[in-house]
Amino acid sequence: MKWQEVRELFPNQFLLVSILDYHEEGDKKIIDEVAPIRPIADEDANKEFFKAKEGTVVYHTSNKEFVIHIRRDPLMKVRRM
């Protein structure tokens, strides 16, 4: 299902979705197709975001585009004292 269709079916709410198709543009993953799994209550969104399994994500339908920014930086070095 296209993101725009999902936004119309589930207006202004967090959703747990399965990512079906995407493409990359530079440091961005542009999500083309998703399968909605279930709505998430606002107060549970953060907890559910960190519990999401690989290939799924919690995202809010107020976003016109479904974009995930990719971090390609090497691991940060931590200064030990």
PDB file of N, CA and C in Angstrom:
ATOM      1  N   MET A   1       0.850  -1.163   0.000  1.00  0.00           N
ATOM      2  CA  MET A   1       0.000   0.000   0.000  1.00  0.00           C
ATOM      3  C   MET A   1       0.904   1.237   0.000  1.00  0.00           C
ATOM      4  N   LYS A   2       0.572   2.196  -0.817  1.00  0.00           N
ATOM      5  CA  LYS A   2       1.334   3.448  -0.870  1.00  0.00           C
ATOM      6  C   LYS A   2       1.105   4.255   0.407  1.00  0.00           C
ATOM      7  N   TRP A   3       2.116   5.056   0.785  1.00  0.00           N
ATOM      8  CA  TRP A   3       2.044   5.830   2.011  1.00  0.00           C
ATOM      9  C   TRP A   3       0.851   6.791   2.005  1.00  0.00           C
ATOM     10  N   GLN A   4       0.570   7.400   0.870  1.00  0.00           N
ATOM     11  CA  GLN A   4      -0.549   8.335   0.789  1.00  0.00           C
ATOM     12  C   GLN A   4      -1.867   7.632   1.110  1.00  0.00           C
ATOM     13  N   GLU A   5      -2.035   6.398   0.655  1.00  0.00           N
ATOM     14  CA  GLU A   5      -3.250   5.630   0.957  1.00  0.00           C
ATOM     15  C   GLU A   5      -3.356   5.345   2.457  1.00  0.00           C
ATOM     16  N   VAL A   6      -2.229   5.001   3.058  1.00  0.00           N
ATOM     17  CA  VAL A   6      -2.192   4.724   4.498  1.00  0.00           C
ATOM     18  C   VAL A   6      -2.575   5.981   5.278  1.00  0.00           C
ATOM     19  N   ARG A   7      -2.059   7.124   4.849  1.00  0.00           N
ATOM     20  CA  ARG A   7      -2.364   8.391   5.518  1.00  0.00           C
ATOM     21  C   ARG A   7      -3.857   8.702   5.476  1.00  0.00           C
ATOM     22  N   GLU A   8      -4.504   8.357   4.384  1.00  0.00           N
ATOM     23  CA  GLU A   8      -5.934   8.609   4.254  1.00  0.00           C
ATOM     24  C   GLU A   8      -6.758   7.661   5.131  1.00  0.00           C
ATOM     25  N   LEU A   9      -6.311   6.412   5.237  1.00  0.00           N
ATOM     26  CA  LEU A   9      -7.024   5.425   6.051  1.00  0.00           C
ATOM     27  C   LEU A   9      -6.827   5.623   7.558  1.00  0.00           C
ATOM     28  N   PHE A  10      -5.634   6.114   7.944  1.00  0.00           N
ATOM     29  CA  PHE A  10      -5.289   6.291   9.354  1.00  0.00           C
ATOM     30  C   PHE A  10      -4.809   7.720   9.601  1.00  0.00           C
ATOM     31  N   PRO A  11      -5.687   8.706   9.497  1.00  0.00           N
ATOM     32  CA  PRO A  11      -5.239  10.099   9.611  1.00  0.00           C
ATOM     33  C   PRO A  11      -4.728  10.464  11.013  1.00  0.00           C
ATOM     34  N   ASN A  12      -3.614  11.198  11.023  1.00  0.00           N
ATOM     35  CA  ASN A  12      -3.070  11.812  12.237  1.00  0.00           C
ATOM     36  C   ASN A  12      -2.889  10.851  13.409  1.00  0.00           C
ATOM     37  N   GLN A  13      -2.188   9.754  13.161  1.00  0.00           N
ATOM     38  CA  GLN A  13      -1.898   8.813  14.246  1.00  0.00           C
ATOM     39  C   GLN A  13      -0.616   8.036  13.972  1.00  0.00           C
ATOM     40  N   PHE A  14      -0.063   7.474  15.033  1.00  0.00           N
ATOM     41  CA  PHE A  14       1.096   6.605  14.900  1.00  0.00           C
ATOM     42  C   PHE A  14       0.636   5.241  14.436  1.00  0.00           C
ATOM     43  N   LEU A  15       1.454   4.628  13.572  1.00  0.00           N
ATOM     44  CA  LEU A  15       1.166   3.285  13.087  1.00  0.00           C
ATOM     45  C   LEU A  15       2.416   2.427  13.162  1.00  0.00           C
ATOM     46  N   LEU A  16       2.230   1.168  13.453  1.00  0.00           N
ATOM     47  CA  LEU A  16       3.291   0.190  13.280  1.00  0.00           C
ATOM     48  C   LEU A  16       3.091  -0.361  11.876  1.00  0.00           C
ATOM     49  N   VAL A  17       4.118  -0.246  11.031  1.00  0.00           N
ATOM     50  CA  VAL A  17       4.004  -0.699   9.646  1.00  0.00           C
ATOM     51  C   VAL A  17       5.168  -1.616   9.297  1.00  0.00           C
ATOM     52  N   SER A  18       4.922  -2.488   8.353  1.00  0.00           N
ATOM     53  CA  SER A  18       5.954  -3.329   7.770  1.00  0.00           C
ATOM     54  C   SER A  18       6.384  -2.669   6.466  1.00  0.00           C
ATOM     55  N   ILE A  19       7.679  -2.521   6.263  1.00  0.00           N
ATOM     56  CA  ILE A  19       8.196  -1.889   5.056  1.00  0.00           C
ATOM     57  C   ILE A  19       8.302  -2.954   3.965  1.00  0.00           C
ATOM     58  N   LEU A  20       7.577  -2.743   2.870  1.00  0.00           N
ATOM     59  CA  LEU A  20       7.555  -3.711   1.769  1.00  0.00           C
ATOM     60  C   LEU A  20       8.506  -3.343   0.638  1.00  0.00           C
ATOM     61  N   ASP A  21       8.665  -2.038   0.376  1.00  0.00           N
ATOM     62  CA  ASP A  21       9.515  -1.605  -0.731  1.00  0.00           C
ATOM     63  C   ASP A  21      10.051  -0.207  -0.433  1.00  0.00           C
ATOM     64  N   TYR A  22      11.289   0.039  -0.833  1.00  0.00           N
ATOM     65  CA  TYR A  22      11.911   1.351  -0.635  1.00  0.00           C
ATOM     66  C   TYR A  22      13.015   1.537  -1.662  1.00  0.00           C
ATOM     67  N   HIS A  23      13.480   2.770  -1.773  1.00  0.00           N
ATOM     68  CA  HIS A  23      14.666   3.069  -2.561  1.00  0.00           C
ATOM     69  C   HIS A  23      15.491   4.082  -1.785  1.00  0.00           C
ATOM     70  N   GLU A  24      16.787   4.150  -2.112  1.00  0.00           N
ATOM     71  CA  GLU A  24      17.674   5.074  -1.416  1.00  0.00           C
ATOM     72  C   GLU A  24      18.047   6.230  -2.323  1.00  0.00           C
ATOM     73  N   GLU A  25      18.084   7.406  -1.709  1.00  0.00           N
ATOM     74  CA  GLU A  25      18.557   8.618  -2.372  1.00  0.00           C
ATOM     75  C   GLU A  25      19.556   9.264  -1.438  1.00  0.00           C
ATOM     76  N   GLY A  26      20.829   9.095  -1.724  1.00  0.00           N
ATOM     77  CA  GLY A  26      21.864   9.637  -0.849  1.00  0.00           C
ATOM     78  C   GLY A  26      21.789   9.003   0.522  1.00  0.00           C
ATOM     79  N   ASP A  27      21.601   9.832   1.541  1.00  0.00           N
ATOM     80  CA  ASP A  27      21.544   9.321   2.913  1.00  0.00           C
ATOM     81  C   ASP A  27      20.100   9.148   3.396  1.00  0.00           C
ATOM     82  N   LYS A  28      19.164   8.970   2.456  1.00  0.00           N
ATOM     83  CA  LYS A  28      17.756   8.804   2.816  1.00  0.00           C
ATOM     84  C   LYS A  28      17.203   7.511   2.237  1.00  0.00           C
ATOM     85  N   LYS A  29      16.410   6.831   3.048  1.00  0.00           N
ATOM     86  CA  LYS A  29      15.666   5.666   2.590  1.00  0.00           C
ATOM     87  C   LYS A  29      14.233   6.149   2.390  1.00  0.00           C
ATOM     88  N   ILE A  30      13.778   6.165   1.142  1.00  0.00           N
ATOM     89  CA  ILE A  30      12.430   6.619   0.795  1.00  0.00           C
ATOM     90  C   ILE A  30      11.540   5.376   0.743  1.00  0.00           C
ATOM     91  N   ILE A  31      10.548   5.329   1.614  1.00  0.00           N
ATOM     92  CA  ILE A  31       9.672   4.171   1.694  1.00  0.00           C
ATOM     93  C   ILE A  31       8.575   4.318   0.643  1.00  0.00           C
ATOM     94  N   ASP A  32       8.467   3.318  -0.235  1.00  0.00           N
ATOM     95  CA  ASP A  32       7.491   3.360  -1.327  1.00  0.00           C
ATOM     96  C   ASP A  32       6.206   2.608  -0.984  1.00  0.00           C
ATOM     97  N   GLU A  33       6.335   1.449  -0.335  1.00  0.00           N
ATOM     98  CA  GLU A  33       5.149   0.658   0.003  1.00  0.00           C
ATOM     99  C   GLU A  33       5.269   0.084   1.403  1.00  0.00           C
ATOM    100  N   VAL A  34       4.147   0.108   2.116  1.00  0.00           N
ATOM    101  CA  VAL A  34       4.093  -0.432   3.474  1.00  0.00           C
ATOM    102  C   VAL A  34       2.833  -1.281   3.648  1.00  0.00           C
ATOM    103  N   ALA A  35       2.850  -2.084   4.695  1.00  0.00           N
ATOM    104  CA  ALA A  35       1.654  -2.823   5.109  1.00  0.00           C
ATOM    105  C   ALA A  35       1.358  -2.403   6.535  1.00  0.00           C
ATOM    106  N   PRO A  36       0.259  -1.695   6.778  1.00  0.00           N
ATOM    107  CA  PRO A  36      -0.078  -1.298   8.145  1.00  0.00           C
ATOM    108  C   PRO A  36      -0.321  -2.541   9.007  1.00  0.00           C
ATOM    109  N   ILE A  37       0.244  -2.528  10.206  1.00  0.00           N
ATOM    110  CA  ILE A  37       0.033  -3.637  11.136  1.00  0.00           C
ATOM    111  C   ILE A  37      -1.024  -3.259  12.160  1.00  0.00           C
ATOM    112  N   ARG A  38      -0.791  -2.097  12.829  1.00  0.00           N
ATOM    113  CA  ARG A  38      -1.792  -1.639  13.801  1.00  0.00           C
ATOM    114  C   ARG A  38      -1.504  -0.210  14.214  1.00  0.00           C
ATOM    115  N   PRO A  39      -2.557   0.519  14.614  1.00  0.00           N
ATOM    116  CA  PRO A  39      -2.356   1.871  15.168  1.00  0.00           C
ATOM    117  C   PRO A  39      -1.705   1.772  16.544  1.00  0.00           C
ATOM    118  N   ILE A  40      -0.982   2.817  16.905  1.00  0.00           N
ATOM    119  CA  ILE A  40      -0.302   2.900  18.195  1.00  0.00           C
ATOM    120  C   ILE A  40      -0.800   4.149  18.917  1.00  0.00           C
ATOM    121  N   ALA A  41      -1.175   4.008  20.171  1.00  0.00           N
ATOM    122  CA  ALA A  41      -1.591   5.169  20.972  1.00  0.00           C
ATOM    123  C   ALA A  41      -0.403   6.111  21.133  1.00  0.00           C
ATOM    124  N   ASP A  42      -0.676   7.410  21.130  1.00  0.00           N
ATOM    125  CA  ASP A  42       0.391   8.408  21.249  1.00  0.00           C
ATOM    126  C   ASP A  42       1.304   8.142  22.436  1.00  0.00           C
ATOM    127  N   GLU A  43       0.723   7.793  23.573  1.00  0.00           N
ATOM    128  CA  GLU A  43       1.533   7.598  24.780  1.00  0.00           C
ATOM    129  C   GLU A  43       2.400   6.333  24.719  1.00  0.00           C
ATOM    130  N   ASP A  44       2.132   5.427  23.774  1.00  0.00           N
ATOM    131  CA  ASP A  44       2.907   4.190  23.642  1.00  0.00           C
ATOM    132  C   ASP A  44       3.883   4.226  22.473  1.00  0.00           C
ATOM    133  N   ALA A  45       3.885   5.298  21.701  1.00  0.00           N
ATOM    134  CA  ALA A  45       4.665   5.356  20.465  1.00  0.00           C
ATOM    135  C   ALA A  45       6.162   5.167  20.699  1.00  0.00           C
ATOM    136  N   ASN A  46       6.730   5.820  21.682  1.00  0.00           N
ATOM    137  CA  ASN A  46       8.163   5.719  21.936  1.00  0.00           C
ATOM    138  C   ASN A  46       8.547   4.297  22.324  1.00  0.00           C
ATOM    139  N   LYS A  47       7.787   3.699  23.220  1.00  0.00           N
ATOM    140  CA  LYS A  47       8.056   2.323  23.658  1.00  0.00           C
ATOM    141  C   LYS A  47       7.954   1.360  22.470  1.00  0.00           C
ATOM    142  N   GLU A  48       6.920   1.506  21.664  1.00  0.00           N
ATOM    143  CA  GLU A  48       6.711   0.625  20.514  1.00  0.00           C
ATOM    144  C   GLU A  48       7.781   0.831  19.440  1.00  0.00           C
ATOM    145  N   PHE A  49       8.258   2.078  19.296  1.00  0.00           N
ATOM    146  CA  PHE A  49       9.311   2.360  18.328  1.00  0.00           C
ATOM    147  C   PHE A  49      10.550   1.517  18.634  1.00  0.00           C
ATOM    148  N   PHE A  50      10.937   1.464  19.902  1.00  0.00           N
ATOM    149  CA  PHE A  50      12.138   0.730  20.277  1.00  0.00           C
ATOM    150  C   PHE A  50      11.918  -0.777  20.348  1.00  0.00           C
ATOM    151  N   LYS A  51      10.680  -1.223  20.396  1.00  0.00           N
ATOM    152  CA  LYS A  51      10.369  -2.651  20.391  1.00  0.00           C
ATOM    153  C   LYS A  51      10.187  -3.212  18.982  1.00  0.00           C
ATOM    154  N   ALA A  52      10.101  -2.345  17.983  1.00  0.00           N
ATOM    155  CA  ALA A  52       9.817  -2.782  16.608  1.00  0.00           C
ATOM    156  C   ALA A  52      10.887  -3.749  16.107  1.00  0.00           C
ATOM    157  N   LYS A  53      10.445  -4.788  15.449  1.00  0.00           N
ATOM    158  CA  LYS A  53      11.341  -5.800  14.880  1.00  0.00           C
ATOM    159  C   LYS A  53      11.918  -5.292  13.554  1.00  0.00           C
ATOM    160  N   GLU A  54      12.938  -5.974  13.050  1.00  0.00           N
ATOM    161  CA  GLU A  54      13.559  -5.595  11.782  1.00  0.00           C
ATOM    162  C   GLU A  54      12.512  -5.621  10.666  1.00  0.00           C
ATOM    163  N   GLY A  55      12.522  -4.583   9.846  1.00  0.00           N
ATOM    164  CA  GLY A  55      11.569  -4.488   8.744  1.00  0.00           C
ATOM    165  C   GLY A  55      10.267  -3.803   9.115  1.00  0.00           C
ATOM    166  N   THR A  56      10.124  -3.440  10.410  1.00  0.00           N
ATOM    167  CA  THR A  56       8.938  -2.710  10.847  1.00  0.00           C
ATOM    168  C   THR A  56       9.386  -1.419  11.517  1.00  0.00           C
ATOM    169  N   VAL A  57       8.474  -0.460  11.549  1.00  0.00           N
ATOM    170  CA  VAL A  57       8.789   0.822  12.168  1.00  0.00           C
ATOM    171  C   VAL A  57       7.487   1.497  12.598  1.00  0.00           C
ATOM    172  N   VAL A  58       7.601   2.343  13.611  1.00  0.00           N
ATOM    173  CA  VAL A  58       6.480   3.170  14.037  1.00  0.00           C
ATOM    174  C   VAL A  58       6.678   4.540  13.389  1.00  0.00           C
ATOM    175  N   TYR A  59       5.634   5.028  12.711  1.00  0.00           N
ATOM    176  CA  TYR A  59       5.729   6.296  11.992  1.00  0.00           C
ATOM    177  C   TYR A  59       4.389   7.010  12.086  1.00  0.00           C
ATOM    178  N   HIS A  60       4.413   8.329  12.062  1.00  0.00           N
ATOM    179  CA  HIS A  60       3.182   9.107  12.216  1.00  0.00           C
ATOM    180  C   HIS A  60       2.651   9.518  10.850  1.00  0.00           C
ATOM    181  N   THR A  61       1.350   9.387  10.667  1.00  0.00           N
ATOM    182  CA  THR A  61       0.737   9.668   9.367  1.00  0.00           C
ATOM    183  C   THR A  61       0.607  11.160   9.043  1.00  0.00           C
ATOM    184  N   SER A  62       1.004  12.028   9.956  1.00  0.00           N
ATOM    185  CA  SER A  62       1.019  13.457   9.628  1.00  0.00           C
ATOM    186  C   SER A  62       2.170  13.785   8.679  1.00  0.00           C
ATOM    187  N   ASN A  63       3.140  12.875   8.557  1.00  0.00           N
ATOM    188  CA  ASN A  63       4.273  13.071   7.648  1.00  0.00           C
ATOM    189  C   ASN A  63       3.834  12.793   6.214  1.00  0.00           C
ATOM    190  N   LYS A  64       4.026  13.785   5.329  1.00  0.00           N
ATOM    191  CA  LYS A  64       3.593  13.626   3.941  1.00  0.00           C
ATOM    192  C   LYS A  64       4.403  12.571   3.209  1.00  0.00           C
ATOM    193  N   GLU A  65       5.671  12.458   3.548  1.00  0.00           N
ATOM    194  CA  GLU A  65       6.537  11.449   2.949  1.00  0.00           C
ATOM    195  C   GLU A  65       7.073  10.547   4.048  1.00  0.00           C
ATOM    196  N   PHE A  66       7.366   9.318   3.695  1.00  0.00           N
ATOM    197  CA  PHE A  66       7.918   8.344   4.643  1.00  0.00           C
ATOM    198  C   PHE A  66       9.403   8.238   4.332  1.00  0.00           C
ATOM    199  N   VAL A  67      10.233   8.949   5.110  1.00  0.00           N
ATOM    200  CA  VAL A  67      11.663   9.024   4.866  1.00  0.00           C
ATOM    201  C   VAL A  67      12.408   8.634   6.141  1.00  0.00           C
ATOM    202  N   ILE A  68      13.391   7.755   5.976  1.00  0.00           N
ATOM    203  CA  ILE A  68      14.266   7.374   7.087  1.00  0.00           C
ATOM    204  C   ILE A  68      15.660   7.848   6.735  1.00  0.00           C
ATOM    205  N   HIS A  69      16.252   8.642   7.612  1.00  0.00           N
ATOM    206  CA  HIS A  69      17.601   9.142   7.384  1.00  0.00           C
ATOM    207  C   HIS A  69      18.603   8.072   7.815  1.00  0.00           C
ATOM    208  N   ILE A  70      19.542   7.777   6.925  1.00  0.00           N
ATOM    209  CA  ILE A  70      20.536   6.726   7.165  1.00  0.00           C
ATOM    210  C   ILE A  70      21.797   7.356   7.717  1.00  0.00           C
ATOM    211  N   ARG A  71      22.272   6.806   8.820  1.00  0.00           N
ATOM    212  CA  ARG A  71      23.542   7.263   9.395  1.00  0.00           C
ATOM    213  C   ARG A  71      24.646   6.359   8.913  1.00  0.00           C
ATOM    214  N   ARG A  72      25.594   6.930   8.237  1.00  0.00           N
ATOM    215  CA  ARG A  72      26.710   6.149   7.704  1.00  0.00           C
ATOM    216  C   ARG A  72      28.016   6.451   8.437  1.00  0.00           C
ATOM    217  N   ASP A  73      27.928   7.195   9.548  1.00  0.00           N
ATOM    218  CA  ASP A  73      29.122   7.538  10.310  1.00  0.00           C
ATOM    219  C   ASP A  73      29.684   6.303  10.995  1.00  0.00           C
ATOM    220  N   PRO A  74      31.014   6.220  11.096  1.00  0.00           N
ATOM    221  CA  PRO A  74      31.570   5.120  11.882  1.00  0.00           C
ATOM    222  C   PRO A  74      31.185   5.322  13.353  1.00  0.00           C
ATOM    223  N   LEU A  75      31.388   4.301  14.130  1.00  0.00           N
ATOM    224  CA  LEU A  75      31.060   4.406  15.558  1.00  0.00           C
ATOM    225  C   LEU A  75      31.778   5.597  16.174  1.00  0.00           C
ATOM    226  N   MET A  76      31.068   6.269  17.050  1.00  0.00           N
ATOM    227  CA  MET A  76      31.663   7.411  17.739  1.00  0.00           C
ATOM    228  C   MET A  76      32.711   6.927  18.728  1.00  0.00           C
ATOM    229  N   LYS A  77      33.786   7.661  18.826  1.00  0.00           N
ATOM    230  CA  LYS A  77      34.802   7.327  19.807  1.00  0.00           C
ATOM    231  C   LYS A  77      34.454   8.033  21.106  1.00  0.00           C
ATOM    232  N   VAL A  78      34.543   7.316  22.174  1.00  0.00           N
ATOM    233  CA  VAL A  78      34.219   7.879  23.479  1.00  0.00           C
ATOM    234  C   VAL A  78      35.538   8.083  24.223  1.00  0.00           C
ATOM    235  N   ARG A  79      35.707   9.259  24.759  1.00  0.00           N
ATOM    236  CA  ARG A  79      36.905   9.585  25.504  1.00  0.00           C
ATOM    237  C   ARG A  79      36.805   8.996  26.895  1.00  0.00           C
ATOM    238  N   ARG A  80      37.761   8.190  27.270  1.00  0.00           N
ATOM    239  CA  ARG A  80      37.767   7.574  28.592  1.00  0.00           C
ATOM    240  C   ARG A  80      38.544   8.436  29.564  1.00  0.00           C
ATOM    241  N   MET A  81      38.075   8.484  30.769  1.00  0.00           N
ATOM    242  CA  MET A  81      38.739   9.293  31.790  1.00  0.00           C
ATOM    243  C   MET A  81      39.500   8.414  32.732  1.00  0.00           C
TER     244      MET A  81
END
